[in-house]
Protein backbone atom coordinates (compact mmCIF):
# COMPACT_ATOMS: atom_id res chain seq x y z
CA MET A 1 -12.16 21.95 20.38
CA LEU A 2 -8.90 23.96 20.05
CA GLN A 3 -7.64 23.88 16.55
CA ARG A 4 -4.29 25.10 15.21
CA SER A 5 -2.59 24.87 11.85
CA PHE A 6 1.18 23.96 11.27
CA ALA A 7 3.12 23.91 7.93
CA MET A 8 3.88 20.52 6.49
CA THR A 9 7.66 21.20 6.94
CA VAL A 10 10.34 20.38 9.35
CA ALA A 11 9.82 23.75 10.99
CA GLY A 12 6.17 23.11 11.24
CA PHE A 13 6.65 19.62 12.88
CA ASP A 14 9.10 21.46 15.44
CA ALA A 15 6.33 24.00 16.11
CA LEU A 16 3.78 21.33 16.63
CA HIS A 17 6.06 19.50 19.20
CA THR A 18 6.79 22.82 20.96
CA GLY A 19 3.14 23.56 21.13
CA MET A 20 2.32 20.24 22.70
CA SER A 21 5.31 20.87 25.30
CA LYS A 22 3.91 24.27 26.19
CA GLN A 23 0.42 22.72 26.68
CA GLY A 24 1.94 20.20 29.23
CA VAL A 25 0.89 17.27 27.11
CA GLU A 26 2.15 14.07 28.41
CA ARG A 27 0.30 11.53 26.11
CA VAL A 28 -0.92 11.91 22.51
CA HIS A 29 -2.97 9.58 20.33
CA ALA A 30 -2.40 11.16 16.76
CA CYS A 31 -4.57 10.03 13.90
CA LEU A 32 -3.80 10.80 10.35
CA GLU A 33 -5.55 9.62 7.09
CA ALA A 34 -3.30 6.93 5.66
CA PRO A 35 -0.76 9.16 3.84
CA GLY A 36 1.30 9.06 0.83
CA ALA A 37 4.52 10.80 0.77
CA TYR A 38 3.09 14.00 1.72
CA GLY A 39 1.93 12.97 5.18
CA ALA A 40 4.43 10.16 5.84
CA ALA A 41 7.14 12.59 7.15
CA LEU A 42 4.55 14.05 9.77
CA ALA A 43 3.65 10.43 10.87
CA LEU A 44 7.32 9.59 11.33
CA SER A 45 7.99 12.87 13.19
CA LEU A 46 5.14 12.19 15.49
CA HIS A 47 6.42 8.60 16.25
CA GLU A 48 9.67 9.79 17.02
CA ALA A 49 8.71 12.72 19.21
CA GLY A 50 9.88 13.14 22.78
CA HIS A 51 6.24 12.86 23.97
CA VAL A 52 4.55 9.47 24.76
CA VAL A 53 2.95 9.47 21.21
CA VAL A 54 0.75 6.75 19.79
CA VAL A 55 0.29 7.31 15.93
CA SER A 56 -2.56 5.76 13.88
CA LEU A 57 -2.90 5.92 10.22
CA VAL A 58 -6.58 5.54 9.22
CA ASN A 59 -7.82 4.42 5.77
CA PRO A 60 -9.48 7.47 4.20
CA ALA A 61 -12.54 5.31 3.16
CA ARG A 62 -13.05 4.60 6.81
CA ILE A 63 -13.11 8.31 7.57
CA ALA A 64 -15.49 8.96 4.75
CA ALA A 65 -17.90 6.22 5.84
CA TYR A 66 -17.81 7.56 9.33
CA ALA A 67 -18.66 10.97 7.96
CA LYS A 68 -21.71 9.62 6.12
CA SER A 69 -22.91 7.78 9.20
CA ARG A 70 -22.97 11.16 10.99
CA LEU A 71 -24.70 12.78 8.09
CA THR A 72 -21.87 15.24 7.87
CA ARG A 73 -22.44 18.05 5.19
CA THR A 74 -19.53 20.37 5.84
CA LYS A 75 -16.27 19.56 3.86
CA THR A 76 -13.48 22.03 5.03
CA ASP A 77 -10.01 21.30 6.45
CA GLN A 78 -11.21 22.34 9.96
CA ALA A 79 -14.30 19.96 9.73
CA ASP A 80 -12.16 17.18 8.41
CA ALA A 81 -9.67 17.49 11.14
CA ALA A 82 -12.54 17.50 13.79
CA LEU A 83 -13.98 14.40 12.17
CA ILE A 84 -10.62 12.61 12.31
CA ALA A 85 -10.13 13.62 15.88
CA HIS A 86 -13.61 12.18 16.76
CA VAL A 87 -12.73 8.90 14.89
CA CYS A 88 -9.57 8.65 16.95
CA TYR A 89 -11.32 9.46 20.23
CA THR A 90 -14.27 7.07 19.74
CA GLN A 91 -12.81 4.27 17.55
CA HIS A 92 -9.33 3.87 19.03
CA PRO A 93 -7.63 2.94 15.94
CA LEU A 94 -4.54 0.66 16.09
CA ALA A 95 -1.28 2.13 16.57
CA TRP A 96 1.18 2.46 13.58
CA THR A 97 4.83 1.29 13.64
CA PRO A 98 7.11 2.88 10.94
CA PRO A 99 9.09 0.50 8.81
CA LEU A 100 12.69 0.12 9.33
CA ALA A 101 14.93 2.79 7.87
CA GLU A 102 16.14 0.64 4.99
CA VAL A 103 12.50 -0.06 4.00
CA ARG A 104 11.60 3.55 4.07
CA GLU A 105 14.39 4.24 1.79
CA LEU A 106 13.25 1.29 -0.45
CA GLN A 107 9.66 2.94 -0.34
CA GLU A 108 10.97 6.26 -1.50
CA MET A 109 13.09 4.87 -4.31
CA ALA A 110 10.22 2.71 -5.60
CA GLN A 111 7.90 5.61 -5.59
CA GLN A 112 10.26 7.77 -7.43
CA GLU A 113 10.23 5.27 -10.18
CA VAL A 114 6.39 5.12 -10.26
CA ASN A 115 6.20 8.81 -10.30
CA ARG A 116 8.65 9.15 -13.12
CA LEU A 117 6.41 6.74 -15.25
CA GLN A 118 3.31 8.44 -14.33
CA SER A 119 4.41 12.01 -14.89
CA GLY A 120 6.85 11.52 -17.83
CA LEU A 121 4.80 9.61 -20.21
CA HIS A 122 2.13 12.31 -20.31
CA SER A 123 4.39 15.31 -20.72
CA PRO A 124 4.44 17.55 -23.92
CA LEU A 125 8.11 16.45 -24.34
CA VAL A 126 7.11 12.77 -24.63
CA ARG A 127 4.48 13.60 -27.14
CA ALA A 128 6.86 15.71 -29.17
CA SER A 129 9.91 13.39 -29.18
CA MET A 130 8.56 10.02 -28.19
CA GLU A 131 11.46 7.79 -29.13
CA ALA A 132 14.22 9.90 -27.73
CA THR A 133 12.27 10.36 -24.33
CA LEU A 134 11.44 6.78 -24.15
CA THR A 135 15.05 5.85 -24.50
CA PHE A 136 15.89 8.25 -21.75
CA LEU A 137 13.10 6.82 -19.51
CA ARG A 138 14.37 3.38 -20.03
CA GLN A 139 17.82 4.32 -18.86
CA GLU A 140 16.39 6.11 -15.93
CA ILE A 141 14.24 3.20 -14.99
CA ALA A 142 17.23 0.87 -15.16
CA THR A 143 19.18 3.20 -12.96
CA MET A 144 16.50 3.36 -10.36
CA GLN A 145 15.94 -0.35 -10.32
CA ARG A 146 19.74 -0.78 -9.98
CA LEU A 147 19.73 1.72 -6.96
CA VAL A 148 16.78 -0.16 -5.56
CA GLN A 149 18.56 -3.54 -5.69
CA GLU A 150 21.61 -2.03 -4.07
CA GLN A 151 19.50 -0.91 -1.07
CA VAL A 152 18.10 -4.47 -0.88
CA GLU A 153 21.63 -5.89 -1.09
CA GLN A 154 22.60 -3.68 2.03
CA SER A 155 20.23 -5.52 4.25
CA ALA A 156 20.66 -9.20 4.96
CA ASP A 157 16.99 -9.40 5.99
CA LEU A 158 15.82 -7.83 2.73
CA ARG A 159 18.18 -9.93 0.70
CA HIS A 160 16.76 -13.16 2.41
CA LYS A 161 13.05 -12.04 1.97
CA GLN A 162 13.69 -11.05 -1.68
CA HIS A 163 15.14 -14.58 -2.32
CA LEU A 164 12.13 -16.12 -0.81
CA LEU A 165 9.81 -14.08 -3.02
CA CYS A 166 11.64 -14.79 -6.21
CA SER A 167 11.08 -18.58 -5.61
CA ILE A 168 7.45 -17.87 -6.50
CA PRO A 169 7.00 -18.15 -10.25
CA GLU A 170 6.63 -14.81 -12.08
CA VAL A 171 7.74 -12.70 -9.00
CA GLY A 172 10.93 -11.17 -10.11
CA ARG A 173 13.53 -9.12 -8.13
CA TRP A 174 11.79 -5.81 -8.90
CA THR A 175 8.34 -7.09 -7.95
CA ALA A 176 9.81 -8.49 -4.71
CA ALA A 177 11.51 -5.17 -3.97
CA ARG A 178 8.36 -3.32 -4.40
CA VAL A 179 6.38 -5.64 -2.29
CA LEU A 180 9.11 -5.62 0.39
CA ALA A 181 8.65 -1.79 0.50
CA GLU A 182 5.46 -2.71 2.13
CA SER A 183 6.76 -5.47 4.27
CA ASP A 184 5.83 -4.23 7.60
CA GLN A 185 2.16 -4.60 6.84
CA VAL A 186 2.83 -8.03 5.33
CA ARG A 187 4.50 -9.00 8.54
CA THR A 188 1.79 -7.48 10.93
CA SER A 189 -1.21 -8.82 8.98
CA VAL A 190 -3.19 -11.37 11.04
CA SER A 191 -4.04 -13.40 7.78
CA ALA A 192 -3.58 -13.39 4.13
CA ARG A 193 -7.24 -12.36 3.85
CA GLN A 194 -6.50 -9.27 5.88
CA LEU A 195 -3.53 -8.44 3.81
CA ALA A 196 -5.53 -8.68 0.54
CA ALA A 197 -8.18 -6.31 2.20
CA TYR A 198 -5.24 -3.94 3.05
CA ALA A 199 -4.20 -3.98 -0.66
CA GLY A 200 -7.73 -3.37 -1.89
CA LEU A 201 -7.86 -6.77 -3.56
CA THR A 202 -11.12 -8.09 -1.89
CA PRO A 203 -14.38 -8.17 -4.10
CA ARG A 204 -17.07 -5.56 -3.21
CA GLU A 205 -20.58 -6.93 -3.85
CA ARG A 206 -23.82 -4.77 -4.15
CA THR A 207 -27.04 -6.57 -4.30
CA SER A 208 -30.47 -5.78 -2.92
CA GLY A 209 -33.55 -7.93 -3.42
CA THR A 210 -34.06 -8.71 -7.03
CA SER A 211 -33.67 -5.19 -8.60
CA VAL A 212 -30.17 -4.35 -7.52
CA HIS A 213 -27.68 -6.82 -8.66
CA HIS A 214 -24.23 -5.18 -9.63
CA GLN A 215 -21.20 -7.25 -10.65
CA PRO A 216 -18.68 -7.63 -8.02
CA ARG A 217 -15.58 -5.30 -8.34
CA LEU A 218 -12.43 -4.87 -6.31
CA ALA A 219 -12.78 -2.72 -3.40
CA LYS A 220 -9.63 -0.71 -4.23
CA THR A 221 -9.78 1.14 -0.88
CA GLY A 222 -6.23 -0.12 0.30
CA ASN A 223 -2.70 0.14 -0.66
CA SER A 224 -2.47 1.19 -4.32
CA ARG A 225 1.23 0.64 -4.39
CA LEU A 226 0.84 -3.13 -3.65
CA ARG A 227 -1.95 -3.38 -6.32
CA ARG A 228 0.39 -1.81 -8.95
CA ALA A 229 3.21 -4.06 -8.02
CA LEU A 230 1.02 -7.13 -8.59
CA TYR A 231 -0.89 -6.32 -11.72
CA LEU A 232 1.49 -7.29 -14.49
CA PRO A 233 3.17 -10.25 -12.46
CA ALA A 234 -0.37 -11.64 -11.96
CA ILE A 235 -1.26 -11.55 -15.64
CA VAL A 236 1.88 -13.55 -16.46
CA ALA A 237 1.36 -15.85 -13.47
CA MET A 238 -1.97 -16.95 -14.96
CA ARG A 239 -0.10 -18.68 -17.67
CA HIS A 240 3.15 -19.82 -15.81
CA ASN A 241 2.46 -20.02 -12.10
CA PRO A 242 0.53 -23.39 -11.50
CA ALA A 243 -1.36 -22.27 -8.52
CA VAL A 244 -2.56 -18.90 -10.16
CA ARG A 245 -3.14 -20.82 -13.53
CA ALA A 246 -5.39 -23.35 -11.84
CA LEU A 247 -7.41 -20.54 -10.14
CA ALA A 248 -7.85 -18.57 -13.45
CA GLU A 249 -8.94 -21.63 -15.30
CA ARG A 250 -11.58 -22.50 -12.73
CA LEU A 251 -13.00 -19.01 -12.91
CA ARG A 252 -13.04 -19.13 -16.75
CA VAL A 253 -15.09 -22.22 -16.65
CA ARG A 254 -17.47 -20.45 -14.46
CA SER A 255 -17.68 -17.70 -17.11
CA LYS A 256 -16.17 -14.97 -14.84
CA ARG A 257 -15.22 -11.59 -16.57
CA PRO A 258 -11.66 -11.09 -17.55
CA MET A 259 -10.96 -8.33 -15.00
CA VAL A 260 -12.61 -10.39 -12.13
CA ILE A 261 -9.95 -13.14 -13.01
CA VAL A 262 -7.19 -10.84 -13.04
CA GLY A 263 -8.23 -9.50 -9.64
CA ALA A 264 -8.42 -12.89 -8.30
CA ALA A 265 -5.06 -13.80 -9.74
CA MET A 266 -3.64 -10.68 -7.97
CA ARG A 267 -5.11 -11.71 -4.68
CA LYS A 268 -3.90 -15.20 -5.13
CA LEU A 269 -0.40 -14.03 -5.81
CA LEU A 270 -0.54 -11.86 -2.71
CA HIS A 271 -1.55 -14.76 -0.70
CA LEU A 272 1.41 -16.83 -1.92
CA ILE A 273 3.73 -13.93 -1.06
CA TYR A 274 2.15 -13.87 2.45
CA GLY A 275 2.69 -17.59 2.96
CA VAL A 276 6.21 -17.63 1.77
CA LEU A 277 7.14 -14.65 4.06
CA MET A 278 5.32 -16.05 7.11
CA ALA A 279 6.70 -19.66 6.76
CA ASP A 280 10.24 -18.17 5.98
CA LYS A 281 10.46 -21.00 3.21
CA PRO A 282 10.64 -20.89 -0.44
CA PHE A 283 7.56 -21.42 -2.67
CA ASN A 284 6.36 -25.07 -2.77
CA ALA A 285 4.00 -25.66 -5.80
CA THR A 286 2.43 -28.74 -4.04
CA ARG A 287 1.43 -26.83 -0.97
CA ALA A 288 0.08 -24.06 -2.97
CA MET A 289 -2.41 -26.12 -5.07
CA PRO A 290 -5.78 -26.71 -3.78
CA ALA A 291 -6.59 -30.25 -2.39
């Protein structure tokens, strides 16, 4: 197997495309581990290449499970590349379609706000001058959220979808915008259950005979951005959204652990989001309640 390395830059992407042209490549099925911001540019560059290119983004957990099934012991960049290529050749993962340009911009803006929270609140500056820095962060967050909302307002489709999502109790404009940043996956999911699996909100159970009986936990092998966007709204929805509140109450009666209930509430909220977007109609509490 021929292996070559390219820099994760625009120049590196150009060198990759040039190399494929020199090899006389007419069709490529390119597979990448589902990327964050680091690999998203490469996936988009491949998708927009002049070659006939199919791009697939494969869940890293799927790659890791495949490696275990082959009893793989070597962990290097070259070995990982060969493993992903083998997954692509044997498993034929589904093709990826990039989100619309305005959705990509929305993703980037939303991620900037998340990165600012995650990095800033642990910096020495915050520890040394907490009040001043928190004031600054609140101003920056407000500015970022305003820019995100302006991005939504520029697209009639995004405005309409945000209006639909905000009809769900405890889904505000910011939560709706963060969910819409993943709207292509919402649109292409076959079912609400599949979407919940994509977000890592399905329970993972580990039992064997009578000696192994672990408590079910969220799989957390999917899109962490969706999970983060739904966590706080789900907690509030357990008190104020009738459909989510009813679910939480049933689970409490069954003595489920608090985090199990929160996970179920997040999953229920995502199901409601899926239903509203697929039906293209505002939230209806009567339809959302179990029979």
